[in-house]
Structures are given as C-alpha cells and as structure tokens.
C-alpha cells in the first residue's frame, strides 16, 4: 500500500501508528522516536503471532483442570475454546 500510494517512510509510519487501537496500539508505548514501520510490524508480529504463542497455548491447555464447582459442560467449552485457537 505504501508503494501504491507513493508514501514516504514518515507517511507510512503515521498512518500505521494512527490505525492501531487497543492492545495493538500498546506496542507503541516506549517506541523510540526514530522507529520505522518495519520496527512496529516486528513488534506486532512478536506480540500477536500465533506461532510465537503456540507454546503458551499448549501450556494453558495442559494446566487446565476442572474447578471444584465447575460443570462438565463448562469444562468442555473451555477446553474446546483452547483447542480451537489458531
């Protein structure tokens, strides 16, 4: 898109940073003033990439146990949710 719109690095960085909201926008906190769009993209990939979070998901699933007053249906839904994560 940067090339299509003929944006320079500053234009692309401003558009990218202005487009980020919520948890994605939090990656901008503490970002150096000389950061480039590639730096922001790398931070986003590190934080939200499912490849990097796969181990966390496996550990969460492995640690999941039925709580004392938890129904089997609720446990099933929770395990199904954990298994279906990308």
N, C-alpha and C. Protein backbone atom coordinates (compact mmCIF):
# COMPACT_ATOMS: atom_id res chain seq x y z
N UNK A 1 0.82 -1.18 0.00
CA UNK A 1 0.00 0.00 0.00
C UNK A 1 0.88 1.25 0.00
N UNK A 2 1.97 1.16 0.74
CA UNK A 2 2.91 2.29 0.81
C UNK A 2 3.39 2.67 -0.59
N UNK A 3 3.74 1.66 -1.36
CA UNK A 3 4.23 1.92 -2.72
C UNK A 3 3.10 2.41 -3.62
N UNK A 4 1.92 1.80 -3.47
CA UNK A 4 0.78 2.17 -4.32
C UNK A 4 0.41 3.63 -4.10
N UNK A 5 0.38 4.05 -2.85
CA UNK A 5 0.01 5.44 -2.53
C UNK A 5 1.19 6.39 -2.60
N UNK A 6 2.37 5.85 -2.88
CA UNK A 6 3.60 6.62 -3.01
C UNK A 6 3.91 7.40 -1.73
N UNK A 7 3.74 6.71 -0.60
CA UNK A 7 4.06 7.31 0.69
C UNK A 7 5.54 7.17 0.97
N UNK A 8 6.09 8.16 1.65
CA UNK A 8 7.45 8.00 2.15
C UNK A 8 7.36 7.31 3.51
N UNK A 9 8.49 7.07 4.13
CA UNK A 9 8.52 6.34 5.41
C UNK A 9 7.73 7.06 6.49
N UNK A 10 7.83 8.39 6.55
CA UNK A 10 7.10 9.15 7.57
C UNK A 10 5.59 9.02 7.39
N UNK A 11 5.12 9.11 6.13
CA UNK A 11 3.69 8.96 5.86
C UNK A 11 3.19 7.58 6.28
N UNK A 12 3.95 6.55 5.93
CA UNK A 12 3.56 5.18 6.26
C UNK A 12 3.54 4.97 7.77
N UNK A 13 4.53 5.50 8.46
CA UNK A 13 4.61 5.36 9.91
C UNK A 13 3.43 6.06 10.59
N UNK A 14 3.11 7.25 10.17
CA UNK A 14 1.98 7.99 10.75
C UNK A 14 0.67 7.25 10.52
N UNK A 15 0.48 6.74 9.32
CA UNK A 15 -0.75 6.01 9.03
C UNK A 15 -0.84 4.72 9.85
N UNK A 16 0.25 3.99 9.95
CA UNK A 16 0.26 2.75 10.72
C UNK A 16 -0.02 3.02 12.19
N UNK A 17 0.68 3.97 12.77
CA UNK A 17 0.51 4.28 14.20
C UNK A 17 -0.89 4.82 14.48
N UNK A 18 -1.42 5.60 13.57
CA UNK A 18 -2.77 6.14 13.73
C UNK A 18 -3.85 5.10 13.58
N UNK A 19 -3.54 3.99 12.95
CA UNK A 19 -4.52 2.93 12.73
C UNK A 19 -4.59 1.92 13.86
N UNK A 20 -3.59 1.89 14.71
CA UNK A 20 -3.55 0.89 15.77
C UNK A 20 -4.41 1.32 16.95
N UNK A 21 -5.22 0.37 17.45
CA UNK A 21 -6.09 0.63 18.59
C UNK A 21 -5.95 -0.48 19.61
N UNK A 22 -6.37 -0.21 20.82
CA UNK A 22 -6.42 -1.22 21.86
C UNK A 22 -5.06 -1.84 22.15
N UNK A 23 -5.07 -3.17 22.25
CA UNK A 23 -3.84 -3.90 22.57
C UNK A 23 -2.77 -3.68 21.51
N UNK A 24 -3.19 -3.57 20.26
CA UNK A 24 -2.21 -3.35 19.19
C UNK A 24 -1.55 -1.97 19.34
N UNK A 25 -2.31 -0.99 19.77
CA UNK A 25 -1.76 0.34 19.97
C UNK A 25 -0.78 0.42 21.12
N UNK A 26 -0.89 -0.51 22.07
CA UNK A 26 0.00 -0.51 23.21
C UNK A 26 1.45 -0.83 22.84
N UNK A 27 1.67 -1.45 21.68
CA UNK A 27 3.05 -1.73 21.27
C UNK A 27 3.81 -0.45 20.98
N UNK A 28 3.08 0.65 20.81
CA UNK A 28 3.73 1.92 20.51
C UNK A 28 4.33 2.58 21.75
N UNK A 29 3.88 2.15 22.93
CA UNK A 29 4.40 2.74 24.17
C UNK A 29 5.88 2.44 24.31
N UNK A 30 6.65 3.46 24.53
CA UNK A 30 8.09 3.30 24.70
C UNK A 30 8.84 3.10 23.41
N UNK A 31 8.17 3.27 22.29
CA UNK A 31 8.81 3.12 20.99
C UNK A 31 9.77 4.29 20.76
N UNK A 32 10.99 4.03 20.33
CA UNK A 32 11.93 5.14 20.07
C UNK A 32 11.40 6.07 18.99
N UNK A 33 11.77 7.33 19.06
CA UNK A 33 11.28 8.31 18.09
C UNK A 33 11.80 8.04 16.68
N UNK A 34 12.89 7.32 16.57
CA UNK A 34 13.45 7.04 15.24
C UNK A 34 13.01 5.68 14.70
N UNK A 35 11.98 5.07 15.31
CA UNK A 35 11.50 3.75 14.87
C UNK A 35 10.89 3.85 13.47
N UNK A 36 11.00 2.78 12.74
CA UNK A 36 10.47 2.69 11.37
C UNK A 36 9.25 1.78 11.36
N UNK A 37 8.54 1.77 10.24
CA UNK A 37 7.37 0.91 10.13
C UNK A 37 7.76 -0.55 10.31
N UNK A 38 8.91 -0.95 9.82
CA UNK A 38 9.36 -2.34 9.97
C UNK A 38 9.51 -2.71 11.45
N UNK A 39 9.94 -1.74 12.27
CA UNK A 39 10.08 -1.99 13.71
C UNK A 39 8.72 -2.24 14.35
N UNK A 40 7.73 -1.43 13.98
CA UNK A 40 6.38 -1.59 14.53
C UNK A 40 5.79 -2.92 14.08
N UNK A 41 5.97 -3.25 12.82
CA UNK A 41 5.46 -4.52 12.30
C UNK A 41 6.10 -5.69 13.03
N UNK A 42 7.38 -5.62 13.30
CA UNK A 42 8.08 -6.68 14.05
C UNK A 42 7.52 -6.82 15.46
N UNK A 43 7.27 -5.69 16.12
CA UNK A 43 6.68 -5.73 17.46
C UNK A 43 5.30 -6.36 17.44
N UNK A 44 4.49 -6.02 16.43
CA UNK A 44 3.16 -6.59 16.31
C UNK A 44 3.22 -8.10 16.06
N UNK A 45 4.13 -8.53 15.22
CA UNK A 45 4.28 -9.96 14.95
C UNK A 45 4.73 -10.71 16.20
N UNK A 46 5.64 -10.12 16.95
CA UNK A 46 6.13 -10.75 18.17
C UNK A 46 5.00 -10.89 19.19
N UNK A 47 4.19 -9.86 19.29
CA UNK A 47 3.14 -9.87 20.31
C UNK A 47 1.92 -10.71 19.92
N UNK A 48 1.55 -10.72 18.64
CA UNK A 48 0.28 -11.33 18.25
C UNK A 48 0.41 -12.56 17.36
N UNK A 49 1.60 -12.91 16.96
CA UNK A 49 1.78 -14.07 16.09
C UNK A 49 1.40 -15.35 16.81
N UNK A 50 0.59 -16.17 16.17
CA UNK A 50 0.19 -17.44 16.79
C UNK A 50 1.35 -18.41 16.85
N UNK A 51 2.32 -18.28 15.96
CA UNK A 51 3.49 -19.15 16.01
C UNK A 51 4.24 -18.98 17.32
N UNK A 52 4.39 -17.73 17.74
CA UNK A 52 5.14 -17.46 18.96
C UNK A 52 4.32 -17.78 20.22
N UNK A 53 3.01 -17.83 20.09
CA UNK A 53 2.17 -18.09 21.25
C UNK A 53 1.75 -19.55 21.36
N UNK A 54 2.17 -20.38 20.42
CA UNK A 54 1.77 -21.78 20.41
C UNK A 54 2.15 -22.49 21.71
N UNK A 55 3.34 -22.26 22.20
CA UNK A 55 3.78 -22.90 23.44
C UNK A 55 2.94 -22.44 24.63
N UNK A 56 2.59 -21.17 24.64
CA UNK A 56 1.76 -20.65 25.72
C UNK A 56 0.39 -21.32 25.71
N UNK A 57 -0.19 -21.48 24.51
CA UNK A 57 -1.49 -22.12 24.39
C UNK A 57 -1.43 -23.57 24.85
N UNK A 58 -0.35 -24.27 24.48
CA UNK A 58 -0.19 -25.67 24.90
C UNK A 58 -0.08 -25.78 26.41
N UNK A 59 0.67 -24.88 27.01
CA UNK A 59 0.84 -24.90 28.47
C UNK A 59 -0.48 -24.60 29.17
N UNK A 60 -1.22 -23.64 28.64
CA UNK A 60 -2.51 -23.29 29.22
C UNK A 60 -3.48 -24.47 29.15
N UNK A 61 -3.48 -25.15 28.02
CA UNK A 61 -4.34 -26.32 27.86
C UNK A 61 -3.92 -27.44 28.80
N UNK A 62 -2.63 -27.68 28.90
CA UNK A 62 -2.13 -28.73 29.76
C UNK A 62 -2.38 -28.48 31.24
N UNK A 63 -2.44 -27.21 31.62
CA UNK A 63 -2.65 -26.87 33.03
C UNK A 63 -4.13 -26.78 33.41
N UNK A 64 -5.00 -26.82 32.43
CA UNK A 64 -6.44 -26.67 32.69
C UNK A 64 -6.98 -27.88 33.42
N UNK A 65 -7.61 -27.62 34.56
CA UNK A 65 -8.22 -28.67 35.37
C UNK A 65 -9.63 -28.25 35.73
N UNK A 66 -10.46 -29.23 35.99
CA UNK A 66 -11.83 -28.94 36.39
C UNK A 66 -11.83 -28.32 37.78
N UNK A 67 -12.52 -27.18 37.91
CA UNK A 67 -12.63 -26.48 39.18
C UNK A 67 -13.66 -27.19 40.07
N UNK A 68 -13.60 -27.00 41.38
CA UNK A 68 -14.48 -27.73 42.30
C UNK A 68 -15.97 -27.68 41.95
N UNK A 69 -16.51 -26.52 41.61
CA UNK A 69 -17.94 -26.41 41.31
C UNK A 69 -18.22 -26.26 39.82
N UNK A 70 -17.28 -26.59 38.99
CA UNK A 70 -17.42 -26.41 37.55
C UNK A 70 -18.14 -27.61 36.93
N UNK A 71 -19.09 -27.32 36.04
CA UNK A 71 -19.80 -28.40 35.37
C UNK A 71 -18.94 -28.99 34.26
N UNK A 72 -19.25 -30.20 33.88
CA UNK A 72 -18.51 -30.83 32.78
C UNK A 72 -18.75 -30.07 31.48
N UNK A 73 -19.94 -29.55 31.29
CA UNK A 73 -20.25 -28.78 30.08
C UNK A 73 -19.37 -27.53 29.99
N UNK A 74 -19.19 -26.85 31.12
CA UNK A 74 -18.35 -25.66 31.11
C UNK A 74 -16.89 -26.02 30.84
N UNK A 75 -16.42 -27.08 31.47
CA UNK A 75 -15.06 -27.54 31.23
C UNK A 75 -14.86 -27.90 29.76
N UNK A 76 -15.85 -28.59 29.19
CA UNK A 76 -15.78 -28.96 27.77
C UNK A 76 -15.69 -27.72 26.89
N UNK A 77 -16.52 -26.71 27.16
CA UNK A 77 -16.50 -25.49 26.36
C UNK A 77 -15.14 -24.79 26.47
N UNK A 78 -14.59 -24.74 27.67
CA UNK A 78 -13.29 -24.10 27.86
C UNK A 78 -12.17 -24.85 27.13
N UNK A 79 -12.17 -26.16 27.22
CA UNK A 79 -11.15 -26.95 26.52
C UNK A 79 -11.33 -26.81 25.01
N UNK A 80 -12.58 -26.81 24.54
CA UNK A 80 -12.83 -26.62 23.11
C UNK A 80 -12.32 -25.27 22.64
N UNK A 81 -12.50 -24.25 23.47
CA UNK A 81 -12.02 -22.90 23.12
C UNK A 81 -10.49 -22.90 23.03
N UNK A 82 -9.84 -23.54 23.99
CA UNK A 82 -8.38 -23.58 23.98
C UNK A 82 -7.84 -24.35 22.79
N UNK A 83 -8.50 -25.46 22.44
CA UNK A 83 -8.04 -26.28 21.32
C UNK A 83 -8.25 -25.57 19.98
N UNK A 84 -9.30 -24.77 19.89
CA UNK A 84 -9.62 -24.13 18.60
C UNK A 84 -8.79 -22.90 18.31
N UNK A 85 -7.95 -22.47 19.23
CA UNK A 85 -7.10 -21.31 18.96
C UNK A 85 -6.18 -21.62 17.80
N UNK A 86 -5.99 -20.59 16.94
CA UNK A 86 -5.11 -20.81 15.77
C UNK A 86 -3.67 -20.99 16.13
